[in-house]
PDB file of N, CA and C in Angstrom:
ATOM      1  N   MET A   1       7.257 -41.114 -97.406  1.00  0.00           N
ATOM      2  CA  MET A   1       6.387 -41.855 -96.509  1.00  0.00           C
ATOM      3  C   MET A   1       5.180 -42.370 -97.290  1.00  0.00           C
ATOM      4  N   THR A   2       4.669 -43.480 -96.833  1.00  0.00           N
ATOM      5  CA  THR A   2       3.511 -44.095 -97.462  1.00  0.00           C
ATOM      6  C   THR A   2       2.297 -43.942 -96.546  1.00  0.00           C
ATOM      7  N   ARG A   3       1.215 -43.374 -97.068  1.00  0.00           N
ATOM      8  CA  ARG A   3      -0.011 -43.175 -96.296  1.00  0.00           C
ATOM      9  C   ARG A   3      -0.739 -44.502 -96.150  1.00  0.00           C
ATOM     10  N   ARG A   4      -1.336 -44.692 -94.967  1.00  0.00           N
ATOM     11  CA  ARG A   4      -2.106 -45.917 -94.717  1.00  0.00           C
ATOM     12  C   ARG A   4      -3.212 -45.622 -93.710  1.00  0.00           C
ATOM     13  N   PRO A   5      -4.470 -45.810 -94.110  1.00  0.00           N
ATOM     14  CA  PRO A   5      -5.559 -45.657 -93.140  1.00  0.00           C
ATOM     15  C   PRO A   5      -5.616 -46.886 -92.224  1.00  0.00           C
ATOM     16  N   PHE A   6      -6.182 -46.709 -91.034  1.00  0.00           N
ATOM     17  CA  PHE A   6      -6.389 -47.856 -90.144  1.00  0.00           C
ATOM     18  C   PHE A   6      -7.772 -47.765 -89.512  1.00  0.00           C
ATOM     19  N   LYS A   7      -8.257 -48.912 -89.034  1.00  0.00           N
ATOM     20  CA  LYS A   7      -9.589 -49.017 -88.440  1.00  0.00           C
ATOM     21  C   LYS A   7      -9.480 -49.403 -86.966  1.00  0.00           C
ATOM     22  N   ALA A   8     -10.434 -48.964 -86.180  1.00  0.00           N
ATOM     23  CA  ALA A   8     -10.483 -49.333 -84.759  1.00  0.00           C
ATOM     24  C   ALA A   8     -10.473 -50.852 -84.629  1.00  0.00           C
ATOM     25  N   GLY A   9      -9.666 -51.359 -83.709  1.00  0.00           N
ATOM     26  CA  GLY A   9      -9.576 -52.789 -83.462  1.00  0.00           C
ATOM     27  C   GLY A   9      -8.487 -53.495 -84.267  1.00  0.00           C
ATOM     28  N   GLU A  10      -7.975 -52.836 -85.276  1.00  0.00           N
ATOM     29  CA  GLU A  10      -6.923 -53.424 -86.112  1.00  0.00           C
ATOM     30  C   GLU A  10      -5.607 -53.516 -85.334  1.00  0.00           C
ATOM     31  N   VAL A  11      -4.895 -54.611 -85.512  1.00  0.00           N
ATOM     32  CA  VAL A  11      -3.567 -54.767 -84.911  1.00  0.00           C
ATOM     33  C   VAL A  11      -2.543 -54.365 -85.965  1.00  0.00           C
ATOM     34  N   LEU A  12      -1.774 -53.312 -85.671  1.00  0.00           N
ATOM     35  CA  LEU A  12      -0.757 -52.862 -86.627  1.00  0.00           C
ATOM     36  C   LEU A  12       0.426 -53.818 -86.670  1.00  0.00           C
ATOM     37  N   PHE A  13       0.885 -54.216 -85.488  1.00  0.00           N
ATOM     38  CA  PHE A  13       1.919 -55.238 -85.386  1.00  0.00           C
ATOM     39  C   PHE A  13       1.923 -55.808 -83.989  1.00  0.00           C
ATOM     40  N   ARG A  14       2.515 -56.981 -83.878  1.00  0.00           N
ATOM     41  CA  ARG A  14       2.565 -57.695 -82.599  1.00  0.00           C
ATOM     42  C   ARG A  14       3.991 -57.759 -82.064  1.00  0.00           C
ATOM     43  N   LYS A  15       4.090 -57.800 -80.763  1.00  0.00           N
ATOM     44  CA  LYS A  15       5.388 -57.951 -80.122  1.00  0.00           C
ATOM     45  C   LYS A  15       6.069 -59.189 -80.714  1.00  0.00           C
ATOM     46  N   GLY A  16       7.332 -59.028 -81.130  1.00  0.00           N
ATOM     47  CA  GLY A  16       8.087 -60.122 -81.720  1.00  0.00           C
ATOM     48  C   GLY A  16       8.060 -60.148 -83.236  1.00  0.00           C
ATOM     49  N   ASP A  17       7.130 -59.401 -83.868  1.00  0.00           N
ATOM     50  CA  ASP A  17       7.096 -59.320 -85.333  1.00  0.00           C
ATOM     51  C   ASP A  17       8.368 -58.655 -85.859  1.00  0.00           C
ATOM     52  N   LEU A  18       8.649 -58.872 -87.121  1.00  0.00           N
ATOM     53  CA  LEU A  18       9.751 -58.196 -87.786  1.00  0.00           C
ATOM     54  C   LEU A  18       9.509 -56.690 -87.779  1.00  0.00           C
ATOM     55  N   ALA A  19      10.523 -55.933 -87.410  1.00  0.00           N
ATOM     56  CA  ALA A  19      10.433 -54.468 -87.403  1.00  0.00           C
ATOM     57  C   ALA A  19      11.179 -53.938 -88.622  1.00  0.00           C
ATOM     58  N   ASP A  20      10.437 -53.522 -89.633  1.00  0.00           N
ATOM     59  CA  ASP A  20      11.072 -53.052 -90.859  1.00  0.00           C
ATOM     60  C   ASP A  20      10.632 -51.645 -91.265  1.00  0.00           C
ATOM     61  N   GLU A  21       9.885 -50.979 -90.370  1.00  0.00           N
ATOM     62  CA  GLU A  21       9.431 -49.623 -90.660  1.00  0.00           C
ATOM     63  C   GLU A  21       9.067 -48.906 -89.370  1.00  0.00           C
ATOM     64  N   ILE A  22       9.009 -47.582 -89.445  1.00  0.00           N
ATOM     65  CA  ILE A  22       8.476 -46.780 -88.346  1.00  0.00           C
ATOM     66  C   ILE A  22       7.160 -46.189 -88.819  1.00  0.00           C
ATOM     67  N   VAL A  23       6.370 -45.726 -87.867  1.00  0.00           N
ATOM     68  CA  VAL A  23       5.027 -45.232 -88.165  1.00  0.00           C
ATOM     69  C   VAL A  23       4.836 -43.866 -87.514  1.00  0.00           C
ATOM     70  N   TYR A  24       4.319 -42.924 -88.296  1.00  0.00           N
ATOM     71  CA  TYR A  24       3.940 -41.607 -87.795  1.00  0.00           C
ATOM     72  C   TYR A  24       2.415 -41.562 -87.778  1.00  0.00           C
ATOM     73  N   ILE A  25       1.838 -41.240 -86.621  1.00  0.00           N
ATOM     74  CA  ILE A  25       0.380 -41.182 -86.485  1.00  0.00           C
ATOM     75  C   ILE A  25      -0.094 -39.797 -86.915  1.00  0.00           C
ATOM     76  N   ALA A  26      -0.859 -39.732 -87.996  1.00  0.00           N
ATOM     77  CA  ALA A  26      -1.383 -38.460 -88.502  1.00  0.00           C
ATOM     78  C   ALA A  26      -2.719 -38.118 -87.842  1.00  0.00           C
ATOM     79  N   SER A  27      -3.572 -39.145 -87.651  1.00  0.00           N
ATOM     80  CA  SER A  27      -4.854 -38.930 -86.977  1.00  0.00           C
ATOM     81  C   SER A  27      -5.275 -40.248 -86.332  1.00  0.00           C
ATOM     82  N   GLY A  28      -6.154 -40.128 -85.334  1.00  0.00           N
ATOM     83  CA  GLY A  28      -6.621 -41.314 -84.627  1.00  0.00           C
ATOM     84  C   GLY A  28      -5.739 -41.639 -83.429  1.00  0.00           C
ATOM     85  N   GLU A  29      -6.080 -42.732 -82.762  1.00  0.00           N
ATOM     86  CA  GLU A  29      -5.335 -43.152 -81.573  1.00  0.00           C
ATOM     87  C   GLU A  29      -5.000 -44.627 -81.655  1.00  0.00           C
ATOM     88  N   ILE A  30      -3.832 -44.974 -81.128  1.00  0.00           N
ATOM     89  CA  ILE A  30      -3.402 -46.360 -81.045  1.00  0.00           C
ATOM     90  C   ILE A  30      -2.966 -46.652 -79.616  1.00  0.00           C
ATOM     91  N   ARG A  31      -2.962 -47.932 -79.256  1.00  0.00           N
ATOM     92  CA  ARG A  31      -2.557 -48.328 -77.910  1.00  0.00           C
ATOM     93  C   ARG A  31      -1.365 -49.274 -77.995  1.00  0.00           C
ATOM     94  N   LEU A  32      -0.345 -48.963 -77.173  1.00  0.00           N
ATOM     95  CA  LEU A  32       0.766 -49.889 -76.971  1.00  0.00           C
ATOM     96  C   LEU A  32       0.281 -50.858 -75.907  1.00  0.00           C
ATOM     97  N   LYS A  33       0.005 -52.077 -76.307  1.00  0.00           N
ATOM     98  CA  LYS A  33      -0.686 -53.028 -75.433  1.00  0.00           C
ATOM     99  C   LYS A  33       0.098 -53.347 -74.165  1.00  0.00           C
ATOM    100  N   GLU A  34       1.357 -53.731 -74.291  1.00  0.00           N
ATOM    101  CA  GLU A  34       2.125 -54.142 -73.112  1.00  0.00           C
ATOM    102  C   GLU A  34       2.344 -52.989 -72.129  1.00  0.00           C
ATOM    103  N   ALA A  35       2.508 -51.770 -72.640  1.00  0.00           N
ATOM    104  CA  ALA A  35       2.710 -50.602 -71.777  1.00  0.00           C
ATOM    105  C   ALA A  35       1.386 -49.965 -71.382  1.00  0.00           C
ATOM    106  N   ASP A  36       0.267 -50.415 -72.003  1.00  0.00           N
ATOM    107  CA  ASP A  36      -1.050 -49.827 -71.802  1.00  0.00           C
ATOM    108  C   ASP A  36      -0.987 -48.310 -71.932  1.00  0.00           C
ATOM    109  N   GLN A  37      -0.400 -47.867 -73.049  1.00  0.00           N
ATOM    110  CA  GLN A  37      -0.228 -46.442 -73.302  1.00  0.00           C
ATOM    111  C   GLN A  37      -0.957 -46.066 -74.588  1.00  0.00           C
ATOM    112  N   LEU A  38      -1.709 -44.986 -74.515  1.00  0.00           N
ATOM    113  CA  LEU A  38      -2.445 -44.478 -75.664  1.00  0.00           C
ATOM    114  C   LEU A  38      -1.620 -43.397 -76.352  1.00  0.00           C
ATOM    115  N   LEU A  39      -1.480 -43.493 -77.682  1.00  0.00           N
ATOM    116  CA  LEU A  39      -0.737 -42.502 -78.458  1.00  0.00           C
ATOM    117  C   LEU A  39      -1.641 -41.939 -79.535  1.00  0.00           C
ATOM    118  N   GLY A  40      -1.377 -40.678 -79.906  1.00  0.00           N
ATOM    119  CA  GLY A  40      -2.209 -40.025 -80.903  1.00  0.00           C
ATOM    120  C   GLY A  40      -1.411 -39.266 -81.938  1.00  0.00           C
ATOM    121  N   PRO A  41      -2.071 -38.344 -82.621  1.00  0.00           N
ATOM    122  CA  PRO A  41      -1.445 -37.602 -83.711  1.00  0.00           C
ATOM    123  C   PRO A  41      -0.129 -36.947 -83.299  1.00  0.00           C
ATOM    124  N   GLY A  42       0.822 -37.032 -84.222  1.00  0.00           N
ATOM    125  CA  GLY A  42       2.133 -36.434 -83.990  1.00  0.00           C
ATOM    126  C   GLY A  42       3.149 -37.383 -83.379  1.00  0.00           C
ATOM    127  N   GLU A  43       2.703 -38.562 -82.951  1.00  0.00           N
ATOM    128  CA  GLU A  43       3.612 -39.533 -82.328  1.00  0.00           C
ATOM    129  C   GLU A  43       4.276 -40.411 -83.388  1.00  0.00           C
ATOM    130  N   LEU A  44       5.492 -40.792 -83.097  1.00  0.00           N
ATOM    131  CA  LEU A  44       6.264 -41.690 -83.946  1.00  0.00           C
ATOM    132  C   LEU A  44       6.463 -42.975 -83.167  1.00  0.00           C
ATOM    133  N   ILE A  45       6.211 -44.136 -83.798  1.00  0.00           N
ATOM    134  CA  ILE A  45       6.392 -45.407 -83.111  1.00  0.00           C
ATOM    135  C   ILE A  45       7.137 -46.389 -84.005  1.00  0.00           C
ATOM    136  N   GLY A  46       7.743 -47.370 -83.374  1.00  0.00           N
ATOM    137  CA  GLY A  46       8.403 -48.443 -84.107  1.00  0.00           C
ATOM    138  C   GLY A  46       9.897 -48.302 -84.230  1.00  0.00           C
ATOM    139  N   GLU A  47      10.454 -47.210 -83.689  1.00  0.00           N
ATOM    140  CA  GLU A  47      11.883 -46.956 -83.867  1.00  0.00           C
ATOM    141  C   GLU A  47      12.764 -47.896 -83.057  1.00  0.00           C
ATOM    142  N   ILE A  48      12.324 -48.335 -81.893  1.00  0.00           N
ATOM    143  CA  ILE A  48      13.171 -49.207 -81.075  1.00  0.00           C
ATOM    144  C   ILE A  48      13.399 -50.532 -81.789  1.00  0.00           C
ATOM    145  N   GLY A  49      12.337 -51.142 -82.279  1.00  0.00           N
ATOM    146  CA  GLY A  49      12.480 -52.399 -83.011  1.00  0.00           C
ATOM    147  C   GLY A  49      13.279 -52.246 -84.283  1.00  0.00           C
ATOM    148  N   LEU A  50      13.062 -51.155 -85.002  1.00  0.00           N
ATOM    149  CA  LEU A  50      13.765 -50.923 -86.262  1.00  0.00           C
ATOM    150  C   LEU A  50      15.270 -50.812 -86.060  1.00  0.00           C
ATOM    151  N   PHE A  51      15.679 -50.170 -84.975  1.00  0.00           N
ATOM    152  CA  PHE A  51      17.112 -49.956 -84.737  1.00  0.00           C
ATOM    153  C   PHE A  51      17.758 -51.036 -83.876  1.00  0.00           C
ATOM    154  N   SER A  52      16.976 -51.981 -83.373  1.00  0.00           N
ATOM    155  CA  SER A  52      17.558 -53.041 -82.542  1.00  0.00           C
ATOM    156  C   SER A  52      18.279 -54.068 -83.414  1.00  0.00           C
ATOM    157  N   LEU A  53      19.207 -54.771 -82.827  1.00  0.00           N
ATOM    158  CA  LEU A  53      19.938 -55.802 -83.568  1.00  0.00           C
ATOM    159  C   LEU A  53      19.022 -56.915 -84.045  1.00  0.00           C
ATOM    160  N   GLU A  54      18.021 -57.252 -83.228  1.00  0.00           N
ATOM    161  CA  GLU A  54      17.095 -58.347 -83.559  1.00  0.00           C
ATOM    162  C   GLU A  54      16.066 -57.951 -84.606  1.00  0.00           C
ATOM    163  N   LYS A  55      15.851 -56.632 -84.782  1.00  0.00           N
ATOM    164  CA  LYS A  55      14.843 -56.118 -85.722  1.00  0.00           C
ATOM    165  C   LYS A  55      13.451 -56.684 -85.433  1.00  0.00           C
ATOM    166  N   THR A  56      13.083 -56.717 -84.140  1.00  0.00           N
ATOM    167  CA  THR A  56      11.761 -57.212 -83.759  1.00  0.00           C
ATOM    168  C   THR A  56      10.999 -56.159 -82.964  1.00  0.00           C
ATOM    169  N   ARG A  57       9.691 -56.236 -83.045  1.00  0.00           N
ATOM    170  CA  ARG A  57       8.817 -55.308 -82.326  1.00  0.00           C
ATOM    171  C   ARG A  57       8.863 -55.576 -80.833  1.00  0.00           C
ATOM    172  N   THR A  58       8.836 -54.503 -80.060  1.00  0.00           N
ATOM    173  CA  THR A  58       8.876 -54.619 -78.601  1.00  0.00           C
ATOM    174  C   THR A  58       7.494 -54.467 -77.969  1.00  0.00           C
ATOM    175  N   GLN A  59       6.498 -54.080 -78.769  1.00  0.00           N
ATOM    176  CA  GLN A  59       5.138 -53.873 -78.279  1.00  0.00           C
ATOM    177  C   GLN A  59       4.140 -54.368 -79.326  1.00  0.00           C
ATOM    178  N   THR A  60       2.976 -54.758 -78.856  1.00  0.00           N
ATOM    179  CA  THR A  60       1.845 -54.993 -79.746  1.00  0.00           C
ATOM    180  C   THR A  60       1.097 -53.668 -79.841  1.00  0.00           C
ATOM    181  N   VAL A  61       0.741 -53.262 -81.060  1.00  0.00           N
ATOM    182  CA  VAL A  61       0.074 -51.982 -81.273  1.00  0.00           C
ATOM    183  C   VAL A  61      -1.311 -52.237 -81.857  1.00  0.00           C
ATOM    184  N   VAL A  62      -2.336 -51.768 -81.124  1.00  0.00           N
ATOM    185  CA  VAL A  62      -3.736 -51.956 -81.517  1.00  0.00           C
ATOM    186  C   VAL A  62      -4.366 -50.586 -81.746  1.00  0.00           C
ATOM    187  N   CYS A  63      -5.128 -50.451 -82.808  1.00  0.00           N
ATOM    188  CA  CYS A  63      -5.798 -49.189 -83.127  1.00  0.00           C
ATOM    189  C   CYS A  63      -7.032 -49.020 -82.244  1.00  0.00           C
ATOM    190  N   GLU A  64      -7.093 -47.916 -81.537  1.00  0.00           N
ATOM    191  CA  GLU A  64      -8.239 -47.623 -80.671  1.00  0.00           C
ATOM    192  C   GLU A  64      -9.373 -46.992 -81.466  1.00  0.00           C
ATOM    193  N   THR A  65      -9.022 -46.189 -82.470  1.00  0.00           N
ATOM    194  CA  THR A  65     -10.005 -45.489 -83.292  1.00  0.00           C
ATOM    195  C   THR A  65      -9.617 -45.664 -84.760  1.00  0.00           C
ATOM    196  N   ASP A  66     -10.470 -45.212 -85.650  1.00  0.00           N
ATOM    197  CA  ASP A  66     -10.076 -45.098 -87.047  1.00  0.00           C
ATOM    198  C   ASP A  66      -9.068 -43.956 -87.146  1.00  0.00           C
ATOM    199  N   GLY A  67      -8.218 -44.016 -88.141  1.00  0.00           N
ATOM    200  CA  GLY A  67      -7.252 -42.948 -88.311  1.00  0.00           C
ATOM    201  C   GLY A  67      -6.385 -43.143 -89.530  1.00  0.00           C
ATOM    202  N   GLU A  68      -5.315 -42.392 -89.543  1.00  0.00           N
ATOM    203  CA  GLU A  68      -4.396 -42.429 -90.678  1.00  0.00           C
ATOM    204  C   GLU A  68      -2.968 -42.345 -90.164  1.00  0.00           C
ATOM    205  N   LEU A  69      -2.100 -43.117 -90.786  1.00  0.00           N
ATOM    206  CA  LEU A  69      -0.699 -43.082 -90.414  1.00  0.00           C
ATOM    207  C   LEU A  69       0.158 -43.019 -91.669  1.00  0.00           C
ATOM    208  N   TYR A  70       1.416 -42.725 -91.456  1.00  0.00           N
ATOM    209  CA  TYR A  70       2.397 -42.724 -92.537  1.00  0.00           C
ATOM    210  C   TYR A  70       3.530 -43.641 -92.139  1.00  0.00           C
ATOM    211  N   ARG A  71       3.933 -44.503 -93.077  1.00  0.00           N
ATOM    212  CA  ARG A  71       4.969 -45.494 -92.812  1.00  0.00           C
ATOM    213  C   ARG A  71       6.253 -45.106 -93.535  1.00  0.00           C
ATOM    214  N   MET A  72       7.368 -45.410 -92.889  1.00  0.00           N
ATOM    215  CA  MET A  72       8.667 -45.157 -93.486  1.00  0.00           C
ATOM    216  C   MET A  72       9.553 -46.366 -93.216  1.00  0.00           C
ATOM    217  N   THR A  73      10.119 -46.926 -94.277  1.00  0.00           N
ATOM    218  CA  THR A  73      10.978 -48.101 -94.131  1.00  0.00           C
ATOM    219  C   THR A  73      12.327 -47.714 -93.547  1.00  0.00           C
ATOM    220  N   GLY A  74      13.043 -48.711 -93.080  1.00  0.00           N
ATOM    221  CA  GLY A  74      14.395 -48.480 -92.576  1.00  0.00           C
ATOM    222  C   GLY A  74      15.282 -47.852 -93.629  1.00  0.00           C
ATOM    223  N   GLU A  75      15.167 -48.298 -94.843  1.00  0.00           N
ATOM    224  CA  GLU A  75      15.971 -47.743 -95.938  1.00  0.00           C
ATOM    225  C   GLU A  75      15.683 -46.251 -96.129  1.00  0.00           C
ATOM    226  N   MET A  76      14.411 -45.863 -96.042  1.00  0.00           N
ATOM    227  CA  MET A  76      14.046 -44.445 -96.165  1.00  0.00           C
ATOM    228  C   MET A  76      14.673 -43.632 -95.029  1.00  0.00           C
ATOM    229  N   ILE A  77      14.636 -44.195 -93.817  1.00  0.00           N
ATOM    230  CA  ILE A  77      15.219 -43.515 -92.655  1.00  0.00           C
ATOM    231  C   ILE A  77      16.720 -43.321 -92.861  1.00  0.00           C
ATOM    232  N   TYR A  78      17.407 -44.359 -93.323  1.00  0.00           N
ATOM    233  CA  TYR A  78      18.858 -44.261 -93.521  1.00  0.00           C
ATOM    234  C   TYR A  78      19.198 -43.208 -94.575  1.00  0.00           C
ATOM    235  N   ARG A  79      18.409 -43.132 -95.637  1.00  0.00           N
ATOM    236  CA  ARG A  79      18.648 -42.108 -96.662  1.00  0.00           C
ATOM    237  C   ARG A  79      18.447 -40.708 -96.091  1.00  0.00           C
ATOM    238  N   LEU A  80      17.380 -40.534 -95.296  1.00  0.00           N
ATOM    239  CA  LEU A  80      17.143 -39.241 -94.661  1.00  0.00           C
ATOM    240  C   LEU A  80      18.271 -38.870 -93.707  1.00  0.00           C
ATOM    241  N   TYR A  81      18.782 -39.858 -92.991  1.00  0.00           N
ATOM    242  CA  TYR A  81      19.871 -39.612 -92.054  1.00  0.00           C
ATOM    243  C   TYR A  81      21.097 -39.057 -92.789  1.00  0.00           C
ATOM    244  N   TYR A  82      21.426 -39.620 -93.937  1.00  0.00           N
ATOM    245  CA  TYR A  82      22.579 -39.133 -94.688  1.00  0.00           C
ATOM    246  C   TYR A  82      22.354 -37.721 -95.205  1.00  0.00           C
ATOM    247  N   GLN A  83      21.109 -37.365 -95.475  1.00  0.00           N
ATOM    248  CA  GLN A  83      20.783 -36.014 -95.921  1.00  0.00           C
ATOM    249  C   GLN A  83      20.792 -35.030 -94.752  1.00  0.00           C
ATOM    250  N   ASN A  84      20.433 -35.516 -93.560  1.00  0.00           N
ATOM    251  CA  ASN A  84      20.356 -34.658 -92.382  1.00  0.00           C
ATOM    252  C   ASN A  84      20.797 -35.451 -91.149  1.00  0.00           C
ATOM    253  N   PRO A  85      22.102 -35.433 -90.826  1.00  0.00           N
ATOM    254  CA  PRO A  85      22.622 -36.212 -89.689  1.00  0.00           C
ATOM    255  C   PRO A  85      21.970 -35.894 -88.340  1.00  0.00           C
ATOM    256  N   LYS A  86      21.349 -34.730 -88.200  1.00  0.00           N
ATOM    257  CA  LYS A  86      20.660 -34.399 -86.943  1.00  0.00           C
ATOM    258  C   LYS A  86      19.530 -35.381 -86.658  1.00  0.00           C
ATOM    259  N   LEU A  87      19.013 -36.014 -87.700  1.00  0.00           N
ATOM    260  CA  LEU A  87      17.954 -36.998 -87.539  1.00  0.00           C
ATOM    261  C   LEU A  87      18.405 -38.148 -86.639  1.00  0.00           C
ATOM    262  N   GLY A  88      19.667 -38.534 -86.744  1.00  0.00           N
ATOM    263  CA  GLY A  88      20.207 -39.603 -85.906  1.00  0.00           C
ATOM    264  C   GLY A  88      20.116 -39.256 -84.429  1.00  0.00           C
ATOM    265  N   PHE A  89      20.432 -38.008 -84.077  1.00  0.00           N
ATOM    266  CA  PHE A  89      20.327 -37.585 -82.687  1.00  0.00           C
ATOM    267  C   PHE A  89      18.881 -37.546 -82.225  1.00  0.00           C
ATOM    268  N   TYR A  90      17.966 -37.167 -83.113  1.00  0.00           N
ATOM    269  CA  TYR A  90      16.553 -37.175 -82.767  1.00  0.00           C
ATOM    270  C   TYR A  90      16.112 -38.587 -82.380  1.00  0.00           C
ATOM    271  N   PHE A  91      16.446 -39.576 -83.212  1.00  0.00           N
ATOM    272  CA  PHE A  91      16.058 -40.952 -82.929  1.00  0.00           C
ATOM    273  C   PHE A  91      16.751 -41.485 -81.681  1.00  0.00           C
ATOM    274  N   MET A  92      18.005 -41.143 -81.488  1.00  0.00           N
ATOM    275  CA  MET A  92      18.717 -41.604 -80.303  1.00  0.00           C
ATOM    276  C   MET A  92      18.035 -41.064 -79.041  1.00  0.00           C
ATOM    277  N   ARG A  93      17.688 -39.806 -79.037  1.00  0.00           N
ATOM    278  CA  ARG A  93      17.004 -39.216 -77.877  1.00  0.00           C
ATOM    279  C   ARG A  93      15.622 -39.835 -77.664  1.00  0.00           C
ATOM    280  N   LEU A  94      14.912 -40.080 -78.753  1.00  0.00           N
ATOM    281  CA  LEU A  94      13.584 -40.686 -78.658  1.00  0.00           C
ATOM    282  C   LEU A  94      13.671 -42.090 -78.059  1.00  0.00           C
ATOM    283  N   VAL A  95      14.599 -42.897 -78.529  1.00  0.00           N
ATOM    284  CA  VAL A  95      14.765 -44.257 -78.008  1.00  0.00           C
ATOM    285  C   VAL A  95      15.144 -44.224 -76.530  1.00  0.00           C
ATOM    286  N   VAL A  96      16.099 -43.382 -76.165  1.00  0.00           N
ATOM    287  CA  VAL A  96      16.522 -43.296 -74.759  1.00  0.00           C
ATOM    288  C   VAL A  96      15.372 -42.826 -73.883  1.00  0.00           C
ATOM    289  N   LYS A  97      14.614 -41.838 -74.329  1.00  0.00           N
ATOM    290  CA  LYS A  97      13.461 -41.346 -73.558  1.00  0.00           C
ATOM    291  C   LYS A  97      12.468 -42.473 -73.284  1.00  0.00           C
ATOM    292  N   ARG A  98      12.190 -43.257 -74.303  1.00  0.00           N
ATOM    293  CA  ARG A  98      11.213 -44.334 -74.132  1.00  0.00           C
ATOM    294  C   ARG A  98      11.760 -45.478 -73.288  1.00  0.00           C
ATOM    295  N   LEU A  99      13.016 -45.788 -73.437  1.00  0.00           N
ATOM    296  CA  LEU A  99      13.602 -46.838 -72.600  1.00  0.00           C
ATOM    297  C   LEU A  99      13.629 -46.413 -71.138  1.00  0.00           C
ATOM    298  N   LEU A 100      13.976 -45.163 -70.872  1.00  0.00           N
ATOM    299  CA  LEU A 100      13.964 -44.670 -69.486  1.00  0.00           C
ATOM    300  C   LEU A 100      12.551 -44.671 -68.916  1.00  0.00           C
ATOM    301  N   ARG A 101      11.570 -44.313 -69.726  1.00  0.00           N
ATOM    302  CA  ARG A 101      10.162 -44.368 -69.284  1.00  0.00           C
ATOM    303  C   ARG A 101       9.788 -45.788 -68.882  1.00  0.00           C
ATOM    304  N   ASP A 102      10.184 -46.753 -69.706  1.00  0.00           N
ATOM    305  CA  ASP A 102       9.858 -48.146 -69.414  1.00  0.00           C
ATOM    306  C   ASP A 102      10.589 -48.658 -68.178  1.00  0.00           C
ATOM    307  N   ILE A 103      11.807 -48.220 -67.975  1.00  0.00           N
ATOM    308  CA  ILE A 103      12.549 -48.607 -66.765  1.00  0.00           C
ATOM    309  C   ILE A 103      11.828 -48.072 -65.535  1.00  0.00           C
ATOM    310  N   ARG A 104      11.409 -46.803 -65.580  1.00  0.00           N
ATOM    311  CA  ARG A 104      10.710 -46.203 -64.440  1.00  0.00           C
ATOM    312  C   ARG A 104       9.409 -46.938 -64.129  1.00  0.00           C
ATOM    313  N   ARG A 105       8.713 -47.372 -65.159  1.00  0.00           N
ATOM    314  CA  ARG A 105       7.461 -48.106 -64.982  1.00  0.00           C
ATOM    315  C   ARG A 105       7.682 -49.547 -64.575  1.00  0.00           C
ATOM    316  N   GLY A 106       8.878 -50.032 -64.784  1.00  0.00           N
ATOM    317  CA  GLY A 106       9.155 -51.432 -64.490  1.00  0.00           C
ATOM    318  C   GLY A 106       8.663 -52.360 -65.577  1.00  0.00           C
ATOM    319  N   THR A 107       8.430 -51.822 -66.797  1.00  0.00           N
ATOM    320  CA  THR A 107       7.912 -52.658 -67.878  1.00  0.00           C
ATOM    321  C   THR A 107       8.999 -53.120 -68.837  1.00  0.00           C
ATOM    322  N   LEU A 108      10.236 -52.675 -68.618  1.00  0.00           N
ATOM    323  CA  LEU A 108      11.323 -53.071 -69.510  1.00  0.00           C
ATOM    324  C   LEU A 108      11.871 -54.418 -69.074  1.00  0.00           C
ATOM    325  N   ALA A 109      11.964 -55.342 -69.994  1.00  0.00           N
ATOM    326  CA  ALA A 109      12.493 -56.672 -69.694  1.00  0.00           C
ATOM    327  C   ALA A 109      13.973 -56.553 -69.316  1.00  0.00           C
ATOM    328  N   PRO A 110      14.440 -57.316 -68.306  1.00  0.00           N
ATOM    329  CA  PRO A 110      15.830 -57.224 -67.859  1.00  0.00           C
ATOM    330  C   PRO A 110      16.843 -57.415 -68.979  1.00  0.00           C
ATOM    331  N   GLU A 111      16.553 -58.272 -69.968  1.00  0.00           N
ATOM    332  CA  GLU A 111      17.524 -58.492 -71.034  1.00  0.00           C
ATOM    333  C   GLU A 111      17.665 -57.277 -71.944  1.00  0.00           C
ATOM    334  N   ALA A 112      16.757 -56.327 -71.884  1.00  0.00           N
ATOM    335  CA  ALA A 112      16.826 -55.128 -72.730  1.00  0.00           C
ATOM    336  C   ALA A 112      17.688 -54.039 -72.098  1.00  0.00           C
ATOM    337  N   ILE A 113      18.036 -54.187 -70.834  1.00  0.00           N
ATOM    338  CA  ILE A 113      18.820 -53.158 -70.134  1.00  0.00           C
ATOM    339  C   ILE A 113      20.287 -53.322 -70.435  1.00  0.00           C
TER     340      ILE A 113
END
């Protein structure tokens, strides 16, 4: 993983951007703009876009505070998966959990269902 500090107000990525990495939040808080959801340390984001066929971001992510994150490219994820296949089930459960959350909120676009 690659360490990267961030500053309050910074946009990490925008909805529709190329999704080529996932992000682990080590410290600080970020907001998923379209879902109006605040995330903090220990959260992993960016997996839906990374694993989608279109490889595009589904949310705009804005930093609420200063903090630190760790980035992992798709290639790094695939290598880890081959070393530990249980990782695939972790990501599958994470994606399904978030998609179901968005369906319940009514924030999931019909074409994503």
